[in-house]
């Protein structure tokens, strides 16, 4: 009884280590390269979204400073509220950090941006 290689689907001969998943080192290396490429592509997409969100915060910080303003302005720019690199509490207020800028939303539908 033999199993198949995860990369090329060739049979792995019986008697080889039962945990082996690739037929030879070449298949293992090619599969590893493919995983690395996929991981890099996913990281690239995430970093691009972090940069886009940080640039939005930077632009509106340059306009409004650290004064609260209408949150719908950022909503209209399609701000990604799920992206953050950290969170910090400053003067009792919890800020979601994206790069060098942090924001907090208030119940009166305003948002405040601060630079860290």
PDB file of N, CA and C in Angstrom:
ATOM      1  N   UNK A   1       0.854  -1.180   0.000  1.00  0.00           N
ATOM      2  CA  UNK A   1       0.000   0.000   0.000  1.00  0.00           C
ATOM      3  C   UNK A   1       0.897   1.240   0.000  1.00  0.00           C
ATOM      4  N   UNK A   2       0.555   2.201  -0.824  1.00  0.00           N
ATOM      5  CA  UNK A   2       1.344   3.424  -0.884  1.00  0.00           C
ATOM      6  C   UNK A   2       0.421   4.634  -0.801  1.00  0.00           C
ATOM      7  N   UNK A   3       0.990   5.725  -0.422  1.00  0.00           N
ATOM      8  CA  UNK A   3       0.251   6.987  -0.393  1.00  0.00           C
ATOM      9  C   UNK A   3       0.772   7.872  -1.513  1.00  0.00           C
ATOM     10  N   UNK A   4       0.067   8.966  -1.747  1.00  0.00           N
ATOM     11  CA  UNK A   4       0.458   9.856  -2.829  1.00  0.00           C
ATOM     12  C   UNK A   4       1.123  11.105  -2.296  1.00  0.00           C
ATOM     13  N   UNK A   5       2.075  11.580  -3.084  1.00  0.00           N
ATOM     14  CA  UNK A   5       2.780  12.817  -2.776  1.00  0.00           C
ATOM     15  C   UNK A   5       1.781  13.969  -2.778  1.00  0.00           C
ATOM     16  N   UNK A   6       1.873  14.869  -1.829  1.00  0.00           N
ATOM     17  CA  UNK A   6       0.948  15.993  -1.732  1.00  0.00           C
ATOM     18  C   UNK A   6       1.139  17.007  -2.849  1.00  0.00           C
ATOM     19  N   UNK A   7       2.314  17.028  -3.458  1.00  0.00           N
ATOM     20  CA  UNK A   7       2.611  18.040  -4.475  1.00  0.00           C
ATOM     21  C   UNK A   7       2.402  17.523  -5.890  1.00  0.00           C
ATOM     22  N   UNK A   8       2.978  16.360  -6.223  1.00  0.00           N
ATOM     23  CA  UNK A   8       2.929  15.860  -7.611  1.00  0.00           C
ATOM     24  C   UNK A   8       1.987  14.673  -7.789  1.00  0.00           C
ATOM     25  N   UNK A   9       1.429  14.169  -6.708  1.00  0.00           N
ATOM     26  CA  UNK A   9       0.501  13.028  -6.721  1.00  0.00           C
ATOM     27  C   UNK A   9       1.130  11.713  -7.179  1.00  0.00           C
ATOM     28  N   UNK A  10       2.448  11.616  -7.208  1.00  0.00           N
ATOM     29  CA  UNK A  10       3.109  10.338  -7.477  1.00  0.00           C
ATOM     30  C   UNK A  10       2.987   9.478  -6.222  1.00  0.00           C
ATOM     31  N   UNK A  11       3.088   8.173  -6.417  1.00  0.00           N
ATOM     32  CA  UNK A  11       3.022   7.271  -5.275  1.00  0.00           C
ATOM     33  C   UNK A  11       4.311   7.339  -4.462  1.00  0.00           C
ATOM     34  N   UNK A  12       4.155   7.352  -3.157  1.00  0.00           N
ATOM     35  CA  UNK A  12       5.291   7.226  -2.250  1.00  0.00           C
ATOM     36  C   UNK A  12       5.400   5.741  -1.933  1.00  0.00           C
ATOM     37  N   UNK A  13       6.528   5.139  -2.221  1.00  0.00           N
ATOM     38  CA  UNK A  13       6.636   3.677  -2.064  1.00  0.00           C
ATOM     39  C   UNK A  13       6.415   3.223  -0.627  1.00  0.00           C
ATOM     40  N   UNK A  14       5.892   2.015  -0.526  1.00  0.00           N
ATOM     41  CA  UNK A  14       5.692   1.385   0.775  1.00  0.00           C
ATOM     42  C   UNK A  14       7.049   1.156   1.430  1.00  0.00           C
ATOM     43  N   UNK A  15       7.115   1.305   2.710  1.00  0.00           N
ATOM     44  CA  UNK A  15       8.359   1.077   3.430  1.00  0.00           C
ATOM     45  C   UNK A  15       9.089   2.374   3.741  1.00  0.00           C
ATOM     46  N   UNK A  16       8.679   3.453   3.115  1.00  0.00           N
ATOM     47  CA  UNK A  16       9.255   4.762   3.422  1.00  0.00           C
ATOM     48  C   UNK A  16       8.535   5.270   4.663  1.00  0.00           C
ATOM     49  N   UNK A  17       9.196   6.108   5.423  1.00  0.00           N
ATOM     50  CA  UNK A  17       8.609   6.648   6.649  1.00  0.00           C
ATOM     51  C   UNK A  17       7.130   6.973   6.448  1.00  0.00           C
ATOM     52  N   UNK A  18       6.292   6.469   7.309  1.00  0.00           N
ATOM     53  CA  UNK A  18       4.849   6.645   7.198  1.00  0.00           C
ATOM     54  C   UNK A  18       4.371   8.082   7.305  1.00  0.00           C
ATOM     55  N   UNK A  19       5.193   8.946   7.853  1.00  0.00           N
ATOM     56  CA  UNK A  19       4.809  10.353   7.974  1.00  0.00           C
ATOM     57  C   UNK A  19       5.218  11.185   6.764  1.00  0.00           C
ATOM     58  N   UNK A  20       5.935  10.573   5.868  1.00  0.00           N
ATOM     59  CA  UNK A  20       6.432  11.302   4.708  1.00  0.00           C
ATOM     60  C   UNK A  20       5.271  11.725   3.810  1.00  0.00           C
ATOM     61  N   UNK A  21       5.304  12.977   3.338  1.00  0.00           N
ATOM     62  CA  UNK A  21       4.205  13.501   2.540  1.00  0.00           C
ATOM     63  C   UNK A  21       4.623  13.861   1.121  1.00  0.00           C
ATOM     64  N   UNK A  22       5.909  13.823   0.839  1.00  0.00           N
ATOM     65  CA  UNK A  22       6.422  14.187  -0.481  1.00  0.00           C
ATOM     66  C   UNK A  22       7.295  13.046  -0.990  1.00  0.00           C
ATOM     67  N   UNK A  23       7.315  12.878  -2.324  1.00  0.00           N
ATOM     68  CA  UNK A  23       8.055  11.753  -2.895  1.00  0.00           C
ATOM     69  C   UNK A  23       9.565  11.965  -2.837  1.00  0.00           C
ATOM     70  N   UNK A  24      10.030  13.218  -2.925  1.00  0.00           N
ATOM     71  CA  UNK A  24      11.467  13.472  -2.845  1.00  0.00           C
ATOM     72  C   UNK A  24      11.694  14.925  -2.405  1.00  0.00           C
ATOM     73  N   UNK A  25      12.956  15.278  -2.260  1.00  0.00           N
ATOM     74  CA  UNK A  25      13.312  16.625  -1.800  1.00  0.00           C
ATOM     75  C   UNK A  25      12.852  17.710  -2.765  1.00  0.00           C
ATOM     76  N   UNK A  26      12.900  17.432  -4.073  1.00  0.00           N
ATOM     77  CA  UNK A  26      12.474  18.422  -5.063  1.00  0.00           C
ATOM     78  C   UNK A  26      11.004  18.787  -4.871  1.00  0.00           C
ATOM     79  N   UNK A  27      10.160  17.790  -4.712  1.00  0.00           N
ATOM     80  CA  UNK A  27       8.731  18.050  -4.486  1.00  0.00           C
ATOM     81  C   UNK A  27       8.530  18.833  -3.192  1.00  0.00           C
ATOM     82  N   UNK A  28       9.243  18.456  -2.155  1.00  0.00           N
ATOM     83  CA  UNK A  28       9.154  19.176  -0.890  1.00  0.00           C
ATOM     84  C   UNK A  28       9.538  20.635  -1.087  1.00  0.00           C
ATOM     85  N   UNK A  29      10.655  20.884  -1.785  1.00  0.00           N
ATOM     86  CA  UNK A  29      11.116  22.259  -1.989  1.00  0.00           C
ATOM     87  C   UNK A  29      10.152  23.058  -2.858  1.00  0.00           C
ATOM     88  N   UNK A  30       9.596  22.449  -3.897  1.00  0.00           N
ATOM     89  CA  UNK A  30       8.620  23.148  -4.734  1.00  0.00           C
ATOM     90  C   UNK A  30       7.358  23.488  -3.944  1.00  0.00           C
ATOM     91  N   UNK A  31       6.905  22.555  -3.143  1.00  0.00           N
ATOM     92  CA  UNK A  31       5.716  22.802  -2.326  1.00  0.00           C
ATOM     93  C   UNK A  31       5.981  23.913  -1.312  1.00  0.00           C
ATOM     94  N   UNK A  32       7.165  23.897  -0.727  1.00  0.00           N
ATOM     95  CA  UNK A  32       7.526  24.934   0.235  1.00  0.00           C
ATOM     96  C   UNK A  32       7.571  26.302  -0.452  1.00  0.00           C
ATOM     97  N   UNK A  33       8.104  26.343  -1.658  1.00  0.00           N
ATOM     98  CA  UNK A  33       8.152  27.581  -2.424  1.00  0.00           C
ATOM     99  C   UNK A  33       6.747  28.105  -2.711  1.00  0.00           C
ATOM    100  N   UNK A  34       5.842  27.225  -3.067  1.00  0.00           N
ATOM    101  CA  UNK A  34       4.456  27.633  -3.324  1.00  0.00           C
ATOM    102  C   UNK A  34       3.798  28.183  -2.061  1.00  0.00           C
ATOM    103  N   UNK A  35       4.027  27.535  -0.920  1.00  0.00           N
ATOM    104  CA  UNK A  35       3.472  28.037   0.346  1.00  0.00           C
ATOM    105  C   UNK A  35       4.036  29.408   0.673  1.00  0.00           C
ATOM    106  N   UNK A  36       5.327  29.603   0.432  1.00  0.00           N
ATOM    107  CA  UNK A  36       5.973  30.883   0.697  1.00  0.00           C
ATOM    108  C   UNK A  36       5.399  31.975  -0.196  1.00  0.00           C
ATOM    109  N   UNK A  37       5.176  31.666  -1.469  1.00  0.00           N
ATOM    110  CA  UNK A  37       4.583  32.632  -2.390  1.00  0.00           C
ATOM    111  C   UNK A  37       3.186  33.033  -1.934  1.00  0.00           C
ATOM    112  N   UNK A  38       2.381  32.061  -1.533  1.00  0.00           N
ATOM    113  CA  UNK A  38       1.024  32.352  -1.058  1.00  0.00           C
ATOM    114  C   UNK A  38       1.045  33.220   0.193  1.00  0.00           C
ATOM    115  N   UNK A  39       1.953  32.892   1.111  1.00  0.00           N
ATOM    116  CA  UNK A  39       2.059  33.664   2.343  1.00  0.00           C
ATOM    117  C   UNK A  39       2.487  35.101   2.042  1.00  0.00           C
ATOM    118  N   UNK A  40       3.444  35.270   1.136  1.00  0.00           N
ATOM    119  CA  UNK A  40       3.901  36.601   0.742  1.00  0.00           C
ATOM    120  C   UNK A  40       2.759  37.396   0.108  1.00  0.00           C
ATOM    121  N   UNK A  41       1.975  36.761  -0.760  1.00  0.00           N
ATOM    122  CA  UNK A  41       0.858  37.445  -1.413  1.00  0.00           C
ATOM    123  C   UNK A  41      -0.174  37.913  -0.380  1.00  0.00           C
ATOM    124  N   UNK A  42      -0.480  37.060   0.602  1.00  0.00           N
ATOM    125  CA  UNK A  42      -1.430  37.441   1.653  1.00  0.00           C
ATOM    126  C   UNK A  42      -0.884  38.583   2.502  1.00  0.00           C
ATOM    127  N   UNK A  43       0.398  38.522   2.841  1.00  0.00           N
ATOM    128  CA  UNK A  43       1.007  39.603   3.627  1.00  0.00           C
ATOM    129  C   UNK A  43       1.008  40.914   2.852  1.00  0.00           C
ATOM    130  N   UNK A  44       1.246  40.835   1.553  1.00  0.00           N
ATOM    131  CA  UNK A  44       1.278  42.022   0.711  1.00  0.00           C
ATOM    132  C   UNK A  44      -0.088  42.713   0.699  1.00  0.00           C
ATOM    133  N   UNK A  45      -1.148  41.932   0.601  1.00  0.00           N
ATOM    134  CA  UNK A  45      -2.507  42.484   0.614  1.00  0.00           C
ATOM    135  C   UNK A  45      -2.802  43.144   1.957  1.00  0.00           C
ATOM    136  N   UNK A  46      -2.441  42.485   3.040  1.00  0.00           N
ATOM    137  CA  UNK A  46      -2.681  43.036   4.377  1.00  0.00           C
ATOM    138  C   UNK A  46      -1.900  44.325   4.584  1.00  0.00           C
ATOM    139  N   UNK A  47      -0.626  44.344   4.201  1.00  0.00           N
ATOM    140  CA  UNK A  47       0.184  45.550   4.366  1.00  0.00           C
ATOM    141  C   UNK A  47      -0.338  46.697   3.516  1.00  0.00           C
ATOM    142  N   UNK A  48      -0.834  46.416   2.331  1.00  0.00           N
ATOM    143  CA  UNK A  48      -1.407  47.458   1.484  1.00  0.00           C
ATOM    144  C   UNK A  48      -2.637  48.072   2.151  1.00  0.00           C
ATOM    145  N   UNK A  49      -3.458  47.254   2.796  1.00  0.00           N
ATOM    146  CA  UNK A  49      -4.647  47.766   3.478  1.00  0.00           C
ATOM    147  C   UNK A  49      -4.267  48.564   4.724  1.00  0.00           C
ATOM    148  N   UNK A  50      -3.227  48.140   5.436  1.00  0.00           N
ATOM    149  CA  UNK A  50      -2.740  48.915   6.580  1.00  0.00           C
ATOM    150  C   UNK A  50      -2.251  50.278   6.107  1.00  0.00           C
ATOM    151  N   UNK A  51      -1.480  50.304   5.023  1.00  0.00           N
ATOM    152  CA  UNK A  51      -0.979  51.583   4.490  1.00  0.00           C
ATOM    153  C   UNK A  51      -2.117  52.477   4.026  1.00  0.00           C
ATOM    154  N   UNK A  52      -3.135  51.905   3.382  1.00  0.00           N
ATOM    155  CA  UNK A  52      -4.272  52.706   2.927  1.00  0.00           C
ATOM    156  C   UNK A  52      -5.010  53.322   4.106  1.00  0.00           C
ATOM    157  N   UNK A  53      -5.242  52.526   5.152  1.00  0.00           N
ATOM    158  CA  UNK A  53      -5.932  53.027   6.343  1.00  0.00           C
ATOM    159  C   UNK A  53      -5.107  54.091   7.056  1.00  0.00           C
ATOM    160  N   UNK A  54      -3.794  53.854   7.162  1.00  0.00           N
ATOM    161  CA  UNK A  54      -2.927  54.842   7.806  1.00  0.00           C
ATOM    162  C   UNK A  54      -2.916  56.148   7.008  1.00  0.00           C
ATOM    163  N   UNK A  55      -2.892  56.064   5.689  1.00  0.00           N
ATOM    164  CA  UNK A  55      -2.904  57.271   4.861  1.00  0.00           C
ATOM    165  C   UNK A  55      -4.214  58.041   5.000  1.00  0.00           C
ATOM    166  N   UNK A  56      -5.334  57.326   5.143  1.00  0.00           N
ATOM    167  CA  UNK A  56      -6.612  58.001   5.395  1.00  0.00           C
ATOM    168  C   UNK A  56      -6.579  58.751   6.721  1.00  0.00           C
ATOM    169  N   UNK A  57      -6.096  58.078   7.765  1.00  0.00           N
ATOM    170  CA  UNK A  57      -6.016  58.723   9.075  1.00  0.00           C
ATOM    171  C   UNK A  57      -5.083  59.922   9.034  1.00  0.00           C
ATOM    172  N   UNK A  58      -3.963  59.788   8.335  1.00  0.00           N
ATOM    173  CA  UNK A  58      -3.000  60.880   8.218  1.00  0.00           C
ATOM    174  C   UNK A  58      -3.635  62.085   7.512  1.00  0.00           C
ATOM    175  N   UNK A  59      -4.333  61.826   6.418  1.00  0.00           N
ATOM    176  CA  UNK A  59      -4.958  62.912   5.657  1.00  0.00           C
ATOM    177  C   UNK A  59      -5.981  63.660   6.497  1.00  0.00           C
ATOM    178  N   UNK A  60      -6.816  62.942   7.230  1.00  0.00           N
ATOM    179  CA  UNK A  60      -7.832  63.608   8.036  1.00  0.00           C
ATOM    180  C   UNK A  60      -7.250  64.206   9.314  1.00  0.00           C
ATOM    181  N   UNK A  61      -6.160  63.650   9.799  1.00  0.00           N
ATOM    182  CA  UNK A  61      -5.466  64.287  10.925  1.00  0.00           C
ATOM    183  C   UNK A  61      -4.889  65.629  10.481  1.00  0.00           C
ATOM    184  N   UNK A  62      -4.364  65.673   9.268  1.00  0.00           N
ATOM    185  CA  UNK A  62      -3.829  66.934   8.749  1.00  0.00           C
ATOM    186  C   UNK A  62      -4.924  67.981   8.560  1.00  0.00           C
ATOM    187  N   UNK A  63      -6.151  67.554   8.310  1.00  0.00           N
ATOM    188  CA  UNK A  63      -7.274  68.485   8.150  1.00  0.00           C
ATOM    189  C   UNK A  63      -7.848  68.900   9.501  1.00  0.00           C
ATOM    190  N   UNK A  64      -8.158  67.939  10.369  1.00  0.00           N
ATOM    191  CA  UNK A  64      -8.885  68.202  11.618  1.00  0.00           C
ATOM    192  C   UNK A  64      -7.997  68.230  12.861  1.00  0.00           C
ATOM    193  N   UNK A  65      -6.772  67.789  12.750  1.00  0.00           N
ATOM    194  CA  UNK A  65      -5.928  67.697  13.942  1.00  0.00           C
ATOM    195  C   UNK A  65      -6.504  66.657  14.884  1.00  0.00           C
ATOM    196  N   UNK A  66      -6.408  66.912  16.185  1.00  0.00           N
ATOM    197  CA  UNK A  66      -6.945  65.950  17.157  1.00  0.00           C
ATOM    198  C   UNK A  66      -8.335  66.344  17.653  1.00  0.00           C
ATOM    199  N   UNK A  67      -9.033  67.182  16.896  1.00  0.00           N
ATOM    200  CA  UNK A  67     -10.411  67.573  17.236  1.00  0.00           C
ATOM    201  C   UNK A  67     -11.390  66.537  16.666  1.00  0.00           C
ATOM    202  N   UNK A  68     -12.430  66.188  17.423  1.00  0.00           N
ATOM    203  CA  UNK A  68     -13.425  65.238  16.920  1.00  0.00           C
ATOM    204  C   UNK A  68     -14.156  65.792  15.691  1.00  0.00           C
ATOM    205  N   UNK A  69     -14.487  64.898  14.767  1.00  0.00           N
ATOM    206  CA  UNK A  69     -15.253  65.277  13.572  1.00  0.00           C
ATOM    207  C   UNK A  69     -16.202  64.140  13.209  1.00  0.00           C
ATOM    208  N   UNK A  70     -17.095  64.379  12.256  1.00  0.00           N
ATOM    209  CA  UNK A  70     -18.146  63.435  11.876  1.00  0.00           C
ATOM    210  C   UNK A  70     -17.540  62.125  11.349  1.00  0.00           C
ATOM    211  N   UNK A  71     -17.930  61.020  11.949  1.00  0.00           N
ATOM    212  CA  UNK A  71     -17.387  59.710  11.575  1.00  0.00           C
ATOM    213  C   UNK A  71     -17.796  59.307  10.159  1.00  0.00           C
ATOM    214  N   UNK A  72     -18.903  59.840   9.666  1.00  0.00           N
ATOM    215  CA  UNK A  72     -19.375  59.477   8.326  1.00  0.00           C
ATOM    216  C   UNK A  72     -18.402  59.904   7.234  1.00  0.00           C
ATOM    217  N   UNK A  73     -17.542  60.861   7.522  1.00  0.00           N
ATOM    218  CA  UNK A  73     -16.527  61.272   6.552  1.00  0.00           C
ATOM    219  C   UNK A  73     -15.585  60.102   6.267  1.00  0.00           C
ATOM    220  N   UNK A  74     -15.138  59.430   7.315  1.00  0.00           N
ATOM    221  CA  UNK A  74     -14.271  58.259   7.115  1.00  0.00           C
ATOM    222  C   UNK A  74     -15.043  57.080   6.539  1.00  0.00           C
ATOM    223  N   UNK A  75     -16.300  56.952   6.903  1.00  0.00           N
ATOM    224  CA  UNK A  75     -17.112  55.870   6.331  1.00  0.00           C
ATOM    225  C   UNK A  75     -17.256  56.047   4.830  1.00  0.00           C
ATOM    226  N   UNK A  76     -17.431  57.283   4.382  1.00  0.00           N
ATOM    227  CA  UNK A  76     -17.579  57.528   2.940  1.00  0.00           C
ATOM    228  C   UNK A  76     -16.287  57.212   2.182  1.00  0.00           C
ATOM    229  N   UNK A  77     -15.147  57.258   2.876  1.00  0.00           N
ATOM    230  CA  UNK A  77     -13.854  56.909   2.280  1.00  0.00           C
ATOM    231  C   UNK A  77     -13.554  55.414   2.397  1.00  0.00           C
ATOM    232  N   UNK A  78     -14.545  54.663   2.899  1.00  0.00           N
ATOM    233  CA  UNK A  78     -14.433  53.202   3.059  1.00  0.00           C
ATOM    234  C   UNK A  78     -13.261  52.802   3.973  1.00  0.00           C
ATOM    235  N   UNK A  79     -13.191  53.472   5.115  1.00  0.00           N
ATOM    236  CA  UNK A  79     -12.194  53.135   6.121  1.00  0.00           C
ATOM    237  C   UNK A  79     -12.408  51.693   6.564  1.00  0.00           C
ATOM    238  N   UNK A  80     -11.346  50.912   6.629  1.00  0.00           N
ATOM    239  CA  UNK A  80     -11.414  49.532   7.091  1.00  0.00           C
ATOM    240  C   UNK A  80     -11.248  49.538   8.610  1.00  0.00           C
ATOM    241  N   UNK A  81     -12.346  49.358   9.314  1.00  0.00           N
ATOM    242  CA  UNK A  81     -12.345  49.429  10.774  1.00  0.00           C
ATOM    243  C   UNK A  81     -11.750  48.174  11.406  1.00  0.00           C
ATOM    244  N   UNK A  82     -11.536  47.131  10.633  1.00  0.00           N
ATOM    245  CA  UNK A  82     -10.989  45.879  11.163  1.00  0.00           C
ATOM    246  C   UNK A  82      -9.462  45.867  11.182  1.00  0.00           C
ATOM    247  N   UNK A  83      -8.840  46.820  10.516  1.00  0.00           N
ATOM    248  CA  UNK A  83      -7.379  46.873  10.449  1.00  0.00           C
ATOM    249  C   UNK A  83      -6.854  47.703  11.609  1.00  0.00           C
ATOM    250  N   UNK A  84      -5.921  47.117  12.354  1.00  0.00           N
ATOM    251  CA  UNK A  84      -5.227  47.863  13.407  1.00  0.00           C
ATOM    252  C   UNK A  84      -3.920  47.166  13.715  1.00  0.00           C
ATOM    253  N   UNK A  85      -2.938  47.943  14.127  1.00  0.00           N
ATOM    254  CA  UNK A  85      -1.652  47.355  14.453  1.00  0.00           C
ATOM    255  C   UNK A  85      -1.441  47.273  15.962  1.00  0.00           C
ATOM    256  N   UNK A  86      -2.284  47.992  16.726  1.00  0.00           N
ATOM    257  CA  UNK A  86      -2.143  48.012  18.176  1.00  0.00           C
ATOM    258  C   UNK A  86      -3.352  48.736  18.746  1.00  0.00           C
ATOM    259  N   UNK A  87      -3.437  48.801  20.054  1.00  0.00           N
ATOM    260  CA  UNK A  87      -4.408  49.657  20.729  1.00  0.00           C
ATOM    261  C   UNK A  87      -3.740  50.198  21.987  1.00  0.00           C
ATOM    262  N   UNK A  88      -4.068  51.439  22.316  1.00  0.00           N
ATOM    263  CA  UNK A  88      -3.477  52.093  23.492  1.00  0.00           C
ATOM    264  C   UNK A  88      -4.532  52.906  24.216  1.00  0.00           C
ATOM    265  N   UNK A  89      -4.340  53.049  25.522  1.00  0.00           N
ATOM    266  CA  UNK A  89      -5.201  53.894  26.320  1.00  0.00           C
ATOM    267  C   UNK A  89      -4.435  55.173  26.619  1.00  0.00           C
ATOM    268  N   UNK A  90      -5.035  56.306  26.265  1.00  0.00           N
ATOM    269  CA  UNK A  90      -4.427  57.612  26.482  1.00  0.00           C
ATOM    270  C   UNK A  90      -5.465  58.492  27.155  1.00  0.00           C
ATOM    271  N   UNK A  91      -5.171  58.986  28.347  1.00  0.00           N
ATOM    272  CA  UNK A  91      -6.099  59.804  29.131  1.00  0.00           C
ATOM    273  C   UNK A  91      -7.442  59.104  29.335  1.00  0.00           C
ATOM    274  N   UNK A  92      -7.410  57.801  29.543  1.00  0.00           N
ATOM    275  CA  UNK A  92      -8.612  57.022  29.798  1.00  0.00           C
ATOM    276  C   UNK A  92      -9.419  56.678  28.565  1.00  0.00           C
ATOM    277  N   UNK A  93      -8.930  57.017  27.387  1.00  0.00           N
ATOM    278  CA  UNK A  93      -9.640  56.724  26.136  1.00  0.00           C
ATOM    279  C   UNK A  93      -8.860  55.659  25.371  1.00  0.00           C
ATOM    280  N   UNK A  94      -9.569  54.620  24.912  1.00  0.00           N
ATOM    281  CA  UNK A  94      -8.938  53.530  24.171  1.00  0.00           C
ATOM    282  C   UNK A  94      -8.859  53.905  22.689  1.00  0.00           C
ATOM    283  N   UNK A  95      -7.643  53.925  22.137  1.00  0.00           N
ATOM    284  CA  UNK A  95      -7.420  54.254  20.738  1.00  0.00           C
ATOM    285  C   UNK A  95      -6.994  52.998  19.978  1.00  0.00           C
ATOM    286  N   UNK A  96      -7.557  52.821  18.798  1.00  0.00           N
ATOM    287  CA  UNK A  96      -7.132  51.770  17.885  1.00  0.00           C
ATOM    288  C   UNK A  96      -6.016  52.358  17.035  1.00  0.00           C
ATOM    289  N   UNK A  97      -4.868  51.718  17.004  1.00  0.00           N
ATOM    290  CA  UNK A  97      -3.684  52.249  16.333  1.00  0.00           C
ATOM    291  C   UNK A  97      -3.542  51.609  14.957  1.00  0.00           C
ATOM    292  N   UNK A  98      -3.256  52.462  13.969  1.00  0.00           N
ATOM    293  CA  UNK A  98      -2.911  52.007  12.620  1.00  0.00           C
ATOM    294  C   UNK A  98      -1.664  52.779  12.234  1.00  0.00           C
ATOM    295  N   UNK A  99      -0.514  52.115  12.302  1.00  0.00           N
ATOM    296  CA  UNK A  99       0.749  52.793  12.006  1.00  0.00           C
ATOM    297  C   UNK A  99       1.062  53.842  13.060  1.00  0.00           C
ATOM    298  N   UNK A 100       1.177  55.104  12.641  1.00  0.00           N
ATOM    299  CA  UNK A 100       1.512  56.196  13.550  1.00  0.00           C
ATOM    300  C   UNK A 100       0.285  56.915  14.105  1.00  0.00           C
ATOM    301  N   UNK A 101      -0.901  56.525  13.671  1.00  0.00           N
ATOM    302  CA  UNK A 101      -2.120  57.238  14.044  1.00  0.00           C
ATOM    303  C   UNK A 101      -3.067  56.322  14.802  1.00  0.00           C
ATOM    304  N   UNK A 102      -3.795  56.937  15.724  1.00  0.00           N
ATOM    305  CA  UNK A 102      -4.785  56.207  16.483  1.00  0.00           C
ATOM    306  C   UNK A 102      -6.118  56.908  16.360  1.00  0.00           C
ATOM    307  N   UNK A 103      -7.204  56.155  16.500  1.00  0.00           N
ATOM    308  CA  UNK A 103      -8.527  56.758  16.428  1.00  0.00           C
ATOM    309  C   UNK A 103      -9.428  56.137  17.474  1.00  0.00           C
ATOM    310  N   UNK A 104     -10.429  56.902  17.856  1.00  0.00           N
ATOM    311  CA  UNK A 104     -11.472  56.395  18.727  1.00  0.00           C
ATOM    312  C   UNK A 104     -12.783  56.994  18.266  1.00  0.00           C
ATOM    313  N   UNK A 105     -13.818  56.190  18.292  1.00  0.00           N
ATOM    314  CA  UNK A 105     -15.150  56.646  17.904  1.00  0.00           C
ATOM    315  C   UNK A 105     -15.962  56.905  19.165  1.00  0.00           C
ATOM    316  N   UNK A 106     -16.728  57.969  19.141  1.00  0.00           N
ATOM    317  CA  UNK A 106     -17.568  58.341  20.275  1.00  0.00           C
ATOM    318  C   UNK A 106     -19.025  58.036  19.943  1.00  0.00           C
ATOM    319  N   UNK A 107     -19.872  57.962  20.984  1.00  0.00           N
ATOM    320  CA  UNK A 107     -21.277  57.609  20.785  1.00  0.00           C
ATOM    321  C   UNK A 107     -22.058  58.696  20.049  1.00  0.00           C
ATOM    322  N   UNK A 108     -21.552  59.901  20.008  1.00  0.00           N
ATOM    323  CA  UNK A 108     -22.250  60.975  19.296  1.00  0.00           C
ATOM    324  C   UNK A 108     -21.876  60.996  17.808  1.00  0.00           C
ATOM    325  N   UNK A 109     -21.381  59.871  17.302  1.00  0.00           N
ATOM    326  CA  UNK A 109     -21.027  59.672  15.893  1.00  0.00           C
ATOM    327  C   UNK A 109     -19.915  60.609  15.421  1.00  0.00           C
ATOM    328  N   UNK A 110     -18.985  60.847  16.320  1.00  0.00           N
ATOM    329  CA  UNK A 110     -17.775  61.580  15.951  1.00  0.00           C
ATOM    330  C   UNK A 110     -16.585  60.676  16.156  1.00  0.00           C
ATOM    331  N   UNK A 111     -15.474  61.054  15.574  1.00  0.00           N
ATOM    332  CA  UNK A 111     -14.239  60.296  15.684  1.00  0.00           C
ATOM    333  C   UNK A 111     -13.112  61.263  15.972  1.00  0.00           C
ATOM    334  N   UNK A 112     -12.158  60.823  16.746  1.00  0.00           N
ATOM    335  CA  UNK A 112     -10.970  61.632  17.054  1.00  0.00           C
ATOM    336  C   UNK A 112      -9.748  60.844  16.620  1.00  0.00           C
ATOM    337  N   UNK A 113      -8.848  61.539  15.929  1.00  0.00           N
ATOM    338  CA  UNK A 113      -7.588  60.945  15.475  1.00  0.00           C
ATOM    339  C   UNK A 113      -6.455  61.610  16.229  1.00  0.00           C
ATOM    340  N   UNK A 114      -5.525  60.814  16.713  1.00  0.00           N
ATOM    341  CA  UNK A 114      -4.320  61.355  17.362  1.00  0.00           C
ATOM    342  C   UNK A 114      -3.100  60.731  16.709  1.00  0.00           C
ATOM    343  N   UNK A 115      -2.003  61.444  16.787  1.00  0.00           N
ATOM    344  CA  UNK A 115      -0.743  60.940  16.244  1.00  0.00           C
ATOM    345  C   UNK A 115       0.120  60.456  17.400  1.00  0.00           C
ATOM    346  N   UNK A 116       0.658  59.251  17.268  1.00  0.00           N
ATOM    347  CA  UNK A 116       1.518  58.702  18.322  1.00  0.00           C
ATOM    348  C   UNK A 116       2.961  58.792  17.920  1.00  0.00           C
TER     349      UNK A 116
END
